[in-house]
Amino acid sequence: MHSRTPLLKKDLREIKNLPDKVSRLRNFYSAETAFIFTCGPSLEWADPVWVNSRLSGRLVFCVKQAYELFGSAADFHCFNAFNHQKYNYQKNKNCILARTRFEDNPPVWGPRPDLDFRLTPVDAAARTKSSWLAVWGDFENYLLEKTVDRPWGPGIMYETVIYLAVHLGVRRCVVAGWDLVSPGAVQYRHFYDPQPQRRSFWDRAWSRAAPWCRHYLGLRYNATGAVDVHEFEVLAQSSRGFYEWLKAKGVELAVISDQSYLHESIPKISWQKALA
C-alpha cells in the first residue's frame, strides 16, 4: 500500500458526492507506477508470498477476486455486480472500494463503496455491441476529468480501472492477469476456476442458493454467464488503439502474462522485471 492512501481514504469518507470525490483523486499519485492485479488464469502462476513482499509502499489495484491474493497491499479494490463475493476488509481498512454498475444490475452486499460509478447507456435497450467503448474507441471523452459516468467496455478494465489510474496521475500501469481468452470463446476464464471434477451433492445444492445466502457463506454469486461471441475478438483488436491512446497521454502500459490475447504491440514482461 502507498503511504498516502490512508489520507485519501479519510478524505473520501468526508466527501459526499461523486464528482467532488473524483476531483480529490486528480493527480493524487502523480508520476507513480500502478500495479494492477486482475483475475485472468495467468495469475494462478504468481507466488502471492513473494509478490506481496515486493508491494510495500507501491500503488496497488486489485480487481474482484485478485483481492483474495493481494488485498493486504491493495490501495484500491475495483469490482462490479458480477462474480461477486464477501471480502474481508478487516485486514486492510484503508483500501478504497470502487464499484462500477448499471443501475439495473443485481444487488451485491457488503460495505458501501467509496466510489460508486454508473455505467452507460442507462437504457437497457440501447446496450448493443455498437455501444461498446471497444467498438467505437472514443477513449479521450471518458477521462474522469470529463465525466464520472463510465462507458460500457465491455469489462471493468476499460470501464473504470485504467481510467482511474490515469486520473490519479500515474505514468506507468503494470497489469497482471489481463489475459482475455481466444477469439470466439463465450466464457471468461479466471485464476480461481476449479479443475473439472464431479461435484458433490452439497456443491450442487449451494449453487442453487439465493445470492444473499451465497454472499454470507463467502461464495461467489451473480455469475456472468455467456458473453457475446465477438466480445474477446473486439477487445483484443481494440487494445492496440487503447495502448496507443495511453502512450499519447504519457502513460506506459505493460502486461505480466505469457498467455494474454491483448495486442502484440503491448509489452509483456516477467514478474521479476515488473517488481525489481
Protein backbone atom coordinates (compact mmCIF):
# COMPACT_ATOMS: atom_id res chain seq x y z
CA MET A 1 0.00 0.00 0.00
CA HIS A 2 1.11 3.51 -0.80
CA SER A 3 1.87 5.71 2.19
CA ARG A 4 -0.60 8.42 1.05
CA THR A 5 -3.64 6.15 0.75
CA PRO A 6 -4.88 6.37 4.38
CA LEU A 7 -5.17 10.16 3.92
CA LEU A 8 -7.12 9.73 0.69
CA LYS A 9 -9.45 7.17 2.27
CA LYS A 10 -10.20 9.60 5.09
CA ASP A 11 -10.91 12.43 2.66
CA LEU A 12 -13.25 10.31 0.53
CA ARG A 13 -15.27 9.34 3.59
CA GLU A 14 -15.87 13.03 4.32
CA ILE A 15 -16.87 13.98 0.75
CA LYS A 16 -20.49 13.17 -0.07
CA ASN A 17 -20.88 13.36 -3.86
CA LEU A 18 -19.02 11.50 -6.60
CA PRO A 19 -17.86 14.48 -8.72
CA ASP A 20 -16.18 16.06 -5.68
CA LYS A 21 -14.58 12.73 -4.78
CA VAL A 22 -13.23 12.40 -8.31
CA SER A 23 -11.81 15.92 -8.11
CA ARG A 24 -9.96 14.93 -4.94
CA LEU A 25 -8.43 11.96 -6.76
CA ARG A 26 -6.91 14.08 -9.55
CA ASN A 27 -3.13 13.51 -9.74
CA PHE A 28 -3.07 12.23 -6.15
CA TYR A 29 -0.36 9.71 -7.07
CA SER A 30 1.37 11.83 -9.71
CA ALA A 31 4.13 10.04 -11.69
CA GLU A 32 3.76 6.76 -9.74
CA THR A 33 3.59 3.22 -11.18
CA ALA A 34 0.30 1.40 -10.64
CA PHE A 35 0.40 -2.36 -10.16
CA ILE A 36 -2.95 -3.79 -11.25
CA PHE A 37 -3.99 -7.37 -10.50
CA THR A 38 -6.97 -8.77 -12.32
CA CYS A 39 -8.43 -12.27 -12.50
CA GLY A 40 -7.14 -13.97 -15.66
CA PRO A 41 -5.79 -17.53 -15.49
CA SER A 42 -2.14 -16.43 -15.68
CA LEU A 43 -2.47 -15.05 -12.15
CA GLU A 44 -2.51 -18.66 -10.98
CA TRP A 45 1.24 -18.78 -11.61
CA ALA A 46 2.01 -15.88 -9.28
CA ASP A 47 3.67 -16.60 -5.93
CA PRO A 48 1.47 -14.49 -3.61
CA VAL A 49 4.01 -14.55 -0.76
CA TRP A 50 6.84 -13.29 -2.98
CA VAL A 51 4.66 -10.75 -4.81
CA ASN A 52 3.20 -9.34 -1.57
CA SER A 53 6.72 -8.98 -0.18
CA ARG A 54 7.51 -6.68 -3.12
CA LEU A 55 4.41 -4.48 -2.88
CA SER A 56 5.20 -2.48 0.25
CA GLY A 57 4.91 1.23 -0.47
CA ARG A 58 3.63 0.69 -4.01
CA LEU A 59 0.32 1.74 -5.57
CA VAL A 60 -1.79 -1.42 -5.94
CA PHE A 61 -5.16 -2.07 -7.60
CA CYS A 62 -6.97 -5.38 -7.10
CA VAL A 63 -9.84 -6.31 -9.41
CA LYS A 64 -12.52 -8.56 -7.92
CA GLN A 65 -11.06 -11.85 -6.55
CA ALA A 66 -7.46 -10.71 -7.03
CA TYR A 67 -8.11 -9.08 -3.65
CA GLU A 68 -8.04 -12.57 -2.13
CA LEU A 69 -4.37 -12.83 -3.12
CA PHE A 70 -3.09 -9.28 -2.74
CA GLY A 71 -5.70 -7.48 -0.65
CA SER A 72 -3.37 -6.76 2.26
CA ALA A 73 -1.37 -4.48 -0.06
CA ALA A 74 -4.30 -3.02 -2.03
CA ASP A 75 -4.91 0.72 -2.28
CA PHE A 76 -7.99 0.19 -4.48
CA HIS A 77 -10.39 -2.73 -4.83
CA CYS A 78 -12.42 -2.48 -8.05
CA PHE A 79 -15.49 -4.64 -8.62
CA ASN A 80 -18.93 -4.74 -10.19
CA ALA A 81 -22.13 -6.69 -9.59
CA PHE A 82 -20.95 -9.92 -11.20
CA ASN A 83 -18.91 -12.82 -9.83
CA HIS A 84 -19.10 -11.00 -6.52
CA GLN A 85 -18.44 -12.41 -3.07
CA LYS A 86 -17.93 -11.31 0.53
CA TYR A 87 -14.46 -9.84 1.10
CA ASN A 88 -12.52 -9.43 4.33
CA TYR A 89 -11.70 -5.74 4.56
CA GLN A 90 -10.65 -6.01 8.20
CA LYS A 91 -7.12 -6.87 7.08
CA ASN A 92 -6.91 -3.59 5.14
CA LYS A 93 -9.29 -0.93 6.43
CA ASN A 94 -7.68 1.79 4.31
CA CYS A 95 -8.42 0.08 0.99
CA ILE A 96 -10.57 2.31 -1.25
CA LEU A 97 -13.60 0.47 -2.69
CA ALA A 98 -14.64 1.34 -6.25
CA ARG A 99 -17.79 -0.18 -7.74
CA THR A 100 -18.97 0.07 -11.36
CA ARG A 101 -22.55 -0.85 -12.23
CA PHE A 102 -25.57 -0.42 -14.42
CA GLU A 103 -28.48 0.78 -12.30
CA ASP A 104 -30.47 -2.36 -13.12
CA ASN A 105 -27.69 -4.80 -12.15
CA PRO A 106 -28.47 -7.39 -9.47
CA PRO A 107 -27.69 -6.33 -5.89
CA VAL A 108 -24.48 -7.04 -4.01
CA TRP A 109 -23.91 -6.91 -0.27
CA GLY A 110 -21.03 -5.52 1.74
CA PRO A 111 -19.59 -2.15 2.82
CA ARG A 112 -20.70 0.98 0.99
CA PRO A 113 -18.17 1.72 -1.80
CA ASP A 114 -16.09 4.87 -1.54
CA LEU A 115 -16.51 5.39 -5.30
CA ASP A 116 -19.75 4.27 -6.96
CA PHE A 117 -19.62 4.69 -10.74
CA ARG A 118 -22.62 4.42 -13.05
CA LEU A 119 -22.32 2.67 -16.40
CA THR A 120 -23.92 3.99 -19.58
CA PRO A 121 -26.06 3.67 -21.60
CA VAL A 122 -28.67 3.79 -18.83
CA ASP A 123 -31.42 2.46 -21.12
CA ALA A 124 -31.01 -1.34 -21.32
CA ALA A 125 -32.49 -1.35 -24.84
CA ALA A 126 -29.54 0.75 -26.04
CA ARG A 127 -26.92 -1.72 -24.77
CA THR A 128 -25.91 -3.23 -28.08
CA LYS A 129 -22.46 -4.08 -29.37
CA SER A 130 -22.32 -0.72 -31.14
CA SER A 131 -22.37 0.98 -27.71
CA TRP A 132 -19.17 -0.76 -26.55
CA LEU A 133 -16.21 1.53 -25.97
CA ALA A 134 -14.05 -1.16 -27.58
CA VAL A 135 -16.06 -0.76 -30.81
CA TRP A 136 -16.15 2.99 -31.21
CA GLY A 137 -12.88 3.75 -29.39
CA ASP A 138 -13.69 7.22 -28.04
CA PHE A 139 -11.20 6.80 -25.19
CA GLU A 140 -10.46 10.50 -24.70
CA ASN A 141 -14.01 11.59 -23.95
CA TYR A 142 -14.34 9.21 -20.99
CA LEU A 143 -11.49 10.61 -18.95
CA LEU A 144 -12.74 11.07 -15.40
CA GLU A 145 -11.90 14.76 -15.57
CA LYS A 146 -14.57 15.00 -18.30
CA THR A 147 -17.31 12.70 -16.96
CA VAL A 148 -17.88 10.47 -13.96
CA ASP A 149 -20.25 8.28 -15.99
CA ARG A 150 -18.45 5.20 -17.28
CA PRO A 151 -18.64 3.70 -20.76
CA TRP A 152 -19.64 0.10 -21.31
CA GLY A 153 -16.28 -1.51 -22.07
CA PRO A 154 -17.21 -4.31 -22.01
CA GLY A 155 -15.13 -5.19 -18.97
CA ILE A 156 -14.14 -3.32 -15.84
CA MET A 157 -10.58 -2.67 -17.09
CA TYR A 158 -11.87 -0.48 -19.94
CA GLU A 159 -14.72 0.97 -17.92
CA THR A 160 -13.03 2.07 -14.72
CA VAL A 161 -9.67 0.61 -13.69
CA ILE A 162 -7.31 2.09 -16.27
CA TYR A 163 -9.21 5.39 -16.33
CA LEU A 164 -8.93 5.61 -12.56
CA ALA A 165 -5.16 5.04 -12.71
CA VAL A 166 -4.79 7.72 -15.40
CA HIS A 167 -6.86 10.19 -13.38
CA LEU A 168 -4.69 9.56 -10.34
CA GLY A 169 -1.71 10.77 -12.35
CA VAL A 170 0.24 7.54 -12.79
CA ARG A 171 2.87 7.32 -15.51
CA ARG A 172 3.00 3.54 -15.79
CA CYS A 173 0.48 0.70 -15.44
CA VAL A 174 1.81 -2.81 -14.90
CA VAL A 175 -1.07 -5.28 -15.20
CA ALA A 176 -1.09 -8.95 -14.17
CA GLY A 177 -3.85 -11.34 -15.19
CA TRP A 178 -5.31 -9.29 -18.06
CA ASP A 179 -5.46 -12.30 -20.36
CA LEU A 180 -8.83 -12.31 -22.16
CA VAL A 181 -9.40 -15.62 -23.98
CA SER A 182 -9.20 -16.74 -27.59
CA PRO A 183 -11.49 -15.01 -30.12
CA GLY A 184 -14.80 -16.82 -30.48
CA ALA A 185 -14.95 -18.00 -26.88
CA VAL A 186 -18.08 -17.15 -24.90
CA GLN A 187 -16.83 -17.55 -21.31
CA TYR A 188 -14.22 -15.69 -19.32
CA ARG A 189 -11.56 -17.79 -17.62
CA HIS A 190 -10.20 -16.99 -14.15
CA PHE A 191 -7.28 -17.97 -11.98
CA TYR A 192 -9.71 -19.35 -9.41
CA ASP A 193 -11.74 -21.56 -11.77
CA PRO A 194 -11.89 -25.13 -10.38
CA GLN A 195 -10.48 -28.03 -12.31
CA PRO A 196 -13.23 -30.13 -13.92
CA GLN A 197 -14.40 -32.74 -11.46
CA ARG A 198 -17.54 -34.38 -10.18
CA ARG A 199 -19.39 -32.07 -7.86
CA SER A 200 -20.79 -33.32 -4.59
CA PHE A 201 -24.44 -33.05 -3.59
CA TRP A 202 -23.63 -30.04 -1.38
CA ASP A 203 -21.75 -28.27 -4.19
CA ARG A 204 -24.81 -28.60 -6.39
CA ALA A 205 -27.13 -27.54 -3.57
CA TRP A 206 -25.19 -24.38 -2.72
CA SER A 207 -25.01 -23.46 -6.41
CA ARG A 208 -28.80 -23.01 -6.30
CA ALA A 209 -28.81 -20.92 -3.11
CA ALA A 210 -30.13 -17.36 -3.19
CA PRO A 211 -27.45 -14.69 -3.88
CA TRP A 212 -27.73 -13.16 -0.38
CA CYS A 213 -27.23 -16.61 1.13
CA ARG A 214 -24.18 -17.26 -1.06
CA HIS A 215 -22.75 -13.87 -0.02
CA TYR A 216 -22.91 -14.66 3.68
CA LEU A 217 -21.43 -18.10 3.03
CA GLY A 218 -18.49 -16.45 1.29
CA LEU A 219 -19.40 -17.94 -2.10
CA ARG A 220 -19.36 -16.15 -5.47
CA TYR A 221 -22.73 -15.05 -6.84
CA ASN A 222 -24.27 -13.20 -9.82
CA ALA A 223 -22.39 -15.30 -12.37
CA THR A 224 -21.78 -13.58 -15.70
CA GLY A 225 -22.81 -16.47 -17.94
CA ALA A 226 -22.01 -16.49 -21.65
CA VAL A 227 -20.83 -13.31 -23.39
CA ASP A 228 -21.23 -12.11 -26.97
CA VAL A 229 -19.33 -14.41 -29.34
CA HIS A 230 -17.42 -11.37 -30.70
CA GLU A 231 -16.51 -9.83 -27.34
CA PHE A 232 -12.99 -11.20 -26.93
CA GLU A 233 -12.06 -10.57 -30.56
CA VAL A 234 -13.22 -6.95 -30.31
CA LEU A 235 -11.40 -6.42 -27.01
CA ALA A 236 -8.17 -7.89 -28.37
CA GLN A 237 -8.31 -5.78 -31.53
CA SER A 238 -9.21 -2.57 -29.69
CA SER A 239 -6.39 -2.99 -27.17
CA ARG A 240 -3.91 -1.68 -29.74
CA GLY A 241 -5.78 1.62 -30.03
CA PHE A 242 -6.19 1.78 -26.25
CA TYR A 243 -2.46 1.24 -25.79
CA GLU A 244 -1.60 3.93 -28.37
CA TRP A 245 -4.00 6.35 -26.69
CA LEU A 246 -2.34 5.74 -23.31
CA LYS A 247 1.10 6.33 -24.83
CA ALA A 248 -0.11 9.63 -26.27
CA LYS A 249 -1.24 10.58 -22.74
CA GLY A 250 2.24 9.81 -21.42
CA VAL A 251 1.19 6.59 -19.68
CA GLU A 252 3.14 3.36 -20.25
CA LEU A 253 1.36 0.02 -20.21
CA ALA A 254 2.94 -3.40 -19.69
CA VAL A 255 1.38 -6.79 -19.03
CA ILE A 256 2.66 -9.65 -16.88
CA SER A 257 1.36 -12.68 -18.76
CA ASP A 258 2.54 -15.31 -21.17
CA GLN A 259 -1.00 -16.07 -22.32
CA SER A 260 -2.60 -12.67 -22.90
CA TYR A 261 -4.64 -12.07 -26.05
CA LEU A 262 -4.09 -8.31 -25.83
CA HIS A 263 -2.46 -6.84 -28.95
CA GLU A 264 1.13 -7.93 -29.56
CA SER A 265 2.33 -4.31 -29.50
CA ILE A 266 1.68 -4.16 -25.72
CA PRO A 267 4.91 -5.10 -23.90
CA LYS A 268 4.87 -8.39 -21.98
CA ILE A 269 7.24 -8.55 -19.00
CA SER A 270 8.15 -11.02 -16.25
CA TRP A 271 7.20 -10.83 -12.59
CA GLN A 272 10.86 -10.36 -11.71
CA LYS A 273 11.29 -7.39 -14.05
CA ALA A 274 7.99 -5.82 -13.02
CA LEU A 275 8.75 -5.95 -9.29
CA ALA A 276 12.51 -5.40 -9.39
